[in-house]
Protein backbone atom coordinates (compact mmCIF):
# COMPACT_ATOMS: atom_id res chain seq x y z
CA UNK A 1 24.87 126.85 161.48
CA UNK A 2 21.69 125.34 160.53
CA UNK A 3 20.75 122.29 158.29
CA UNK A 4 20.08 124.18 155.47
CA UNK A 5 23.31 125.61 155.27
CA UNK A 6 25.37 122.67 155.45
CA UNK A 7 23.16 121.17 152.67
CA UNK A 8 23.90 123.90 150.36
CA UNK A 9 27.80 124.04 150.98
CA UNK A 10 27.82 119.88 150.07
CA UNK A 11 25.97 120.82 147.02
CA UNK A 12 28.62 123.45 146.10
CA UNK A 13 31.30 121.02 147.12
CA UNK A 14 30.35 118.29 144.60
CA UNK A 15 29.59 120.69 141.99
CA UNK A 16 33.23 121.89 142.09
CA UNK A 17 34.58 118.49 142.42
CA UNK A 18 32.44 117.41 139.01
CA UNK A 19 33.94 120.42 137.01
CA UNK A 20 37.69 119.66 138.14
CA UNK A 21 37.23 115.90 136.96
CA UNK A 22 35.82 116.94 133.66
CA UNK A 23 38.91 119.41 133.10
CA UNK A 24 41.31 116.73 133.98
CA UNK A 25 39.89 114.22 131.76
CA UNK A 26 39.74 116.87 128.89
CA UNK A 27 43.93 117.48 129.58
CA UNK A 28 44.61 113.99 129.60
CA UNK A 29 42.68 113.38 126.61
CA UNK A 30 44.84 116.45 124.76
CA UNK A 31 48.01 114.82 125.84
CA UNK A 32 47.56 111.44 124.80
CA UNK A 33 46.79 113.00 121.18
CA UNK A 34 50.20 115.05 121.31
CA UNK A 35 52.10 111.83 122.41
CA UNK A 36 50.63 109.76 119.37
CA UNK A 37 51.61 112.76 116.77
CA UNK A 38 55.13 112.85 118.52
CA UNK A 39 55.63 108.93 118.38
CA UNK A 40 54.80 108.99 114.77
CA UNK A 41 57.43 112.04 113.84
CA UNK A 42 60.08 110.18 115.91
CA UNK A 43 59.66 107.24 113.95
CA UNK A 44 60.47 108.91 110.82
CA UNK A 45 63.18 111.20 112.03
CA UNK A 46 65.23 108.15 113.99
CA UNK A 47 66.52 108.31 117.43
CA UNK A 48 69.68 110.61 118.40
CA UNK A 49 70.35 108.49 121.23
CA UNK A 50 70.64 105.31 119.69
CA UNK A 51 72.96 106.83 116.58
CA UNK A 52 75.45 107.92 119.40
CA UNK A 53 75.47 104.34 121.15
CA UNK A 54 76.08 102.76 117.74
CA UNK A 55 78.90 105.22 117.17
CA UNK A 56 80.51 104.70 120.45
CA UNK A 57 80.34 100.93 119.85
CA UNK A 58 81.53 101.10 116.46
CA UNK A 59 84.94 102.83 117.64
CA UNK A 60 85.46 100.02 119.58
CA UNK A 61 86.11 97.90 115.99
CA UNK A 62 89.39 97.54 114.42
CA UNK A 63 90.89 100.27 112.31
CA UNK A 64 90.23 100.00 108.67
CA UNK A 65 93.16 101.06 106.18
CA UNK A 66 93.24 100.86 102.31
CA UNK A 67 96.90 99.95 101.29
CA UNK A 68 98.32 100.40 98.11
CA UNK A 69 101.80 99.89 96.73
CA UNK A 70 103.88 100.28 93.87
CA UNK A 71 106.94 98.52 93.16
CA UNK A 72 109.70 99.03 90.40
CA UNK A 73 111.94 96.17 89.91
CA UNK A 74 114.51 95.39 87.46
CA UNK A 75 115.04 91.03 87.18
CA UNK A 76 117.44 88.96 85.20
CA UNK A 77 114.41 87.05 83.58
CA UNK A 78 111.01 88.67 83.35
CA UNK A 79 108.83 85.79 82.30
CA UNK A 80 110.16 83.47 85.37
CA UNK A 81 110.08 86.71 87.67
CA UNK A 82 106.45 87.58 86.49
CA UNK A 83 105.23 83.84 87.04
CA UNK A 84 106.89 83.41 90.57
CA UNK A 85 105.13 86.64 91.68
CA UNK A 86 101.72 85.64 90.32
CA UNK A 87 101.88 82.08 92.09
CA UNK A 88 103.12 84.14 95.34
CA UNK A 89 99.83 86.09 95.06
CA UNK A 90 97.84 82.77 94.60
CA UNK A 91 99.49 81.14 97.53
CA UNK A 92 98.55 84.20 99.78
CA UNK A 93 95.07 84.06 98.75
CA UNK A 94 95.18 86.72 96.23
CA UNK A 95 94.41 87.27 92.38
CA UNK A 96 95.93 88.72 89.57
CA UNK A 97 93.83 91.94 88.36
CA UNK A 98 96.09 92.88 85.27
CA UNK A 99 99.23 91.43 83.77
CA UNK A 100 101.19 92.88 80.90
CA UNK A 101 104.26 92.37 78.70
CA UNK A 102 105.92 95.10 76.47
CA UNK A 103 108.83 94.33 74.13
CA UNK A 104 110.34 97.55 72.72
CA UNK A 105 113.28 95.91 70.96
CA UNK A 106 115.17 92.90 71.50
CA UNK A 107 117.32 94.33 73.99
CA UNK A 108 114.45 95.94 76.44
CA UNK A 109 111.50 93.89 78.01
CA UNK A 110 109.07 95.56 80.37
CA UNK A 111 106.21 94.08 82.11
CA UNK A 112 103.36 95.59 84.32
CA UNK A 113 101.36 93.18 87.04
CA UNK A 114 98.70 94.50 89.28
CA UNK A 115 97.37 91.99 91.98
CA UNK A 116 95.38 92.23 95.14
CA UNK A 117 96.44 90.28 98.37
CA UNK A 118 94.98 89.87 101.98
CA UNK A 119 95.66 92.80 104.19
CA UNK A 120 97.04 90.38 106.66
CA UNK A 121 99.93 89.14 103.98
CA UNK A 122 100.74 92.43 102.49
CA UNK A 123 103.98 93.00 104.02
CA UNK A 124 104.89 89.50 103.18
CA UNK A 125 103.81 89.72 99.77
CA UNK A 126 106.06 92.71 99.21
CA UNK A 127 109.16 91.23 100.49
CA UNK A 128 108.65 88.14 98.49
CA UNK A 129 108.33 90.33 95.32
CA UNK A 130 111.56 92.53 95.95
CA UNK A 131 113.41 89.14 96.67
CA UNK A 132 112.70 88.32 92.81
CA UNK A 133 114.36 91.38 91.76
CA UNK A 134 118.03 91.75 90.79
CA UNK A 135 117.68 95.67 91.82
CA UNK A 136 114.92 97.16 93.56
CA UNK A 137 114.39 100.81 91.37
CA UNK A 138 111.41 102.25 93.27
CA UNK A 139 109.14 101.54 96.55
CA UNK A 140 105.75 103.74 96.96
CA UNK A 141 103.49 102.38 99.66
CA UNK A 142 100.42 104.49 100.77
CA UNK A 143 97.60 103.99 103.21
CA UNK A 144 94.26 105.58 103.61
CA UNK A 145 92.48 105.47 106.97
CA UNK A 146 88.82 105.06 106.43
CA UNK A 147 88.09 104.06 110.05
CA UNK A 148 85.66 107.09 110.81
CA UNK A 149 84.08 106.70 107.51
CA UNK A 150 83.00 103.03 108.24
CA UNK A 151 81.88 103.77 111.77
CA UNK A 152 79.52 106.68 110.56
CA UNK A 153 77.94 104.19 108.02
CA UNK A 154 77.52 101.73 110.57
CA UNK A 155 76.15 104.31 113.00
CA UNK A 156 73.76 105.45 110.36
CA UNK A 157 72.63 102.03 108.86
CA UNK A 158 71.86 100.86 112.67
CA UNK A 159 69.38 104.15 112.93
CA UNK A 160 68.09 103.45 109.34
CA UNK A 161 67.15 99.67 110.42
CA UNK A 162 65.30 101.07 113.63
CA UNK A 163 63.39 103.37 112.11
CA UNK A 164 62.12 100.43 109.39
CA UNK A 165 61.02 98.26 112.18
CA UNK A 166 59.09 101.01 113.62
CA UNK A 167 57.53 101.85 110.46
CA UNK A 168 56.85 98.37 109.77
CA UNK A 169 54.74 98.02 113.02
CA UNK A 170 52.93 101.25 112.50
CA UNK A 171 52.00 99.72 108.86
CA UNK A 172 50.43 96.76 110.48
CA UNK A 173 48.23 99.06 113.14
CA UNK A 174 47.26 101.56 110.28
CA UNK A 175 43.62 101.85 109.95
CA UNK A 176 43.29 104.80 107.50
CA UNK A 177 44.24 104.41 104.00
CA UNK A 178 45.93 107.90 104.18
CA UNK A 179 48.38 106.62 107.19
CA UNK A 180 49.18 103.84 105.30
CA UNK A 181 50.05 105.22 101.88
CA UNK A 182 52.08 108.06 104.03
CA UNK A 183 54.01 105.13 105.97
CA UNK A 184 54.71 103.24 102.83
CA UNK A 185 56.25 106.20 101.28
CA UNK A 186 58.37 106.82 104.64
CA UNK A 187 59.31 103.22 104.57
CA UNK A 188 60.63 103.14 100.77
CA UNK A 189 62.88 106.16 101.38
CA UNK A 190 64.34 104.53 104.36
CA UNK A 191 64.98 101.12 102.71
CA UNK A 192 66.93 103.17 99.43
CA UNK A 193 69.12 104.81 102.21
CA UNK A 194 69.67 101.34 103.81
CA UNK A 195 70.56 99.59 100.76
CA UNK A 196 73.23 102.71 99.52
CA UNK A 197 74.85 102.49 103.29
CA UNK A 198 74.87 98.86 102.81
CA UNK A 199 76.64 99.25 99.36
CA UNK A 200 79.11 101.83 100.69
CA UNK A 201 80.08 99.69 103.70
CA UNK A 202 80.69 96.61 101.51
CA UNK A 203 83.07 98.76 99.22
CA UNK A 204 85.13 99.86 102.19
CA UNK A 205 85.07 96.05 103.63
CA UNK A 206 86.40 94.93 100.31
CA UNK A 207 89.29 97.69 99.61
CA UNK A 208 90.36 97.15 103.29
CA UNK A 209 90.45 93.39 103.68
CA UNK A 210 92.70 93.15 100.00
CA UNK A 211 95.59 95.47 99.69
CA UNK A 212 96.34 96.36 95.71
CA UNK A 213 99.93 96.15 94.70
CA UNK A 214 101.28 97.16 91.01
CA UNK A 215 104.45 96.04 90.16
CA UNK A 216 106.47 97.14 86.86
CA UNK A 217 109.46 94.68 85.86
CA UNK A 218 111.80 95.82 83.36
CA UNK A 219 114.66 93.34 81.78
CA UNK A 220 117.68 94.84 79.91
CA UNK A 221 118.77 91.72 77.57
CA UNK A 222 122.26 91.77 76.14
CA UNK A 223 121.82 90.14 72.42
CA UNK A 224 125.01 87.97 71.18
CA UNK A 225 124.77 87.33 67.51
CA UNK A 226 124.80 84.00 66.52
CA UNK A 227 126.98 82.03 63.90
CA UNK A 228 125.24 81.35 60.86
CA UNK A 229 126.33 78.04 58.81
CA UNK A 230 125.03 79.38 55.71
CA UNK A 231 127.16 82.70 55.97
CA UNK A 232 130.25 80.43 56.41
CA UNK A 233 130.08 78.63 53.17
CA UNK A 234 133.62 79.48 51.87
CA UNK A 235 133.80 77.45 48.53
CA UNK A 236 130.65 78.75 47.21
CA UNK A 237 131.55 82.34 47.94
CA UNK A 238 135.04 81.86 46.77
CA UNK A 239 133.43 80.31 43.19
CA UNK A 240 130.94 83.16 43.31
CA UNK A 241 133.36 85.87 43.31
CA UNK A 242 135.85 83.91 40.94
CA UNK A 243 132.94 84.07 38.52
CA UNK A 244 132.14 87.73 39.11
CA UNK A 245 135.74 88.91 38.90
CA UNK A 246 136.10 86.48 35.22
CA UNK A 247 132.65 88.28 34.00
CA UNK A 248 134.30 91.87 35.04
CA UNK A 249 137.58 91.16 32.86
CA UNK A 250 135.34 89.27 29.81
CA UNK A 251 133.03 92.63 30.10
CA UNK A 252 135.79 94.78 30.03
CA UNK A 253 137.71 93.28 27.08
CA UNK A 254 134.55 92.93 25.27
CA UNK A 255 134.43 96.83 25.60
CA UNK A 256 137.72 97.77 24.34
CA UNK A 257 137.07 95.33 21.44
CA UNK A 258 133.72 96.96 20.58
CA UNK A 259 135.19 100.54 20.97
CA UNK A 260 138.14 99.43 18.75
CA UNK A 261 136.19 98.14 16.02
CA UNK A 262 133.41 100.23 16.02
CA UNK A 263 135.45 103.20 15.98
CA UNK A 264 138.05 101.93 13.61
CA UNK A 265 137.20 104.64 10.75
CA UNK A 266 137.86 107.51 13.41
CA UNK A 267 140.93 105.85 14.65
CA UNK A 268 142.50 105.35 11.33
CA UNK A 269 141.86 109.17 10.42
CA UNK A 270 143.10 110.11 13.73
CA UNK A 271 146.14 107.92 13.56
CA UNK A 272 147.07 109.02 9.74
CA UNK A 273 146.46 112.85 10.94
CA UNK A 274 148.79 112.09 13.95
CA UNK A 275 151.54 110.68 11.61
CA UNK A 276 151.57 113.57 9.58
CA UNK A 277 152.01 115.90 12.20
CA UNK A 278 154.58 113.44 13.76
CA UNK A 279 156.80 113.44 10.17
CA UNK A 280 156.25 117.41 9.92
CA UNK A 281 157.50 118.17 13.21
CA UNK A 282 160.73 115.67 12.79
CA UNK A 283 161.56 117.23 9.32
CA UNK A 284 161.38 120.91 10.60
CA UNK A 285 163.86 119.38 13.26
CA UNK A 286 166.06 118.32 11.20
CA UNK A 287 166.06 121.12 8.98
CA UNK A 288 167.00 123.39 11.78
CA UNK A 289 169.73 121.13 12.59
CA UNK A 290 171.70 121.32 9.39
CA UNK A 291 171.74 125.19 9.53
């Protein structure tokens, strides 16, 4: 192999190496552009791996249950029982939501109390309330488990906050106006979703940290009629009755006198006619007796 052949082969080798280098640089450049675009899409959609991790972490939290109870009690004194129940609720750190008293008549009094007490004292408050009753007519306790719902909200909130942080970071590095507007729009949507999730979580936390108890109270009163001293004034009532009787007699006598005097002509005629009839009857009777 002569010198010219060696130089020709070396030149071809350098040419092929340069072509491969250019193709490699173009491939690397295209790969970087694709990564930049995919990075932006991932910032908007969120990271599923982080969401799953947040969900597993949330499952370790204590269960969240919304407890409600309805009690129907008969009491000896409604006002005292109502006051004691309200004081018990305040003593446990609770509060009265609504309190009403209804009076159907003098013998029946009813009332309704709705209170919210901390979940930790829920059973103690029910026991104390039933202790104020002379008879427990009804008792209904319900519980709604919202643990899964709360954990889901918590995981979604964590994922949305991560997206919010990435969007804020991209906003700082944005150079084009179009990119800035796009990121601002996506950020507003994410922040609105964060507010909604936060509100739903706070509602569930409030409902599970305080239990609602509605108590219906009823009192049957035995009304004993009182003695009215005014109705026992015997002497005054006797004089009134005597005057009434005397007035009746005087009224009757007055009526008789008025009737006789007023109808005297008629009575005279009727009396004369009666006397004539009586005389005729007697005379005929005597005549028939002689025969």
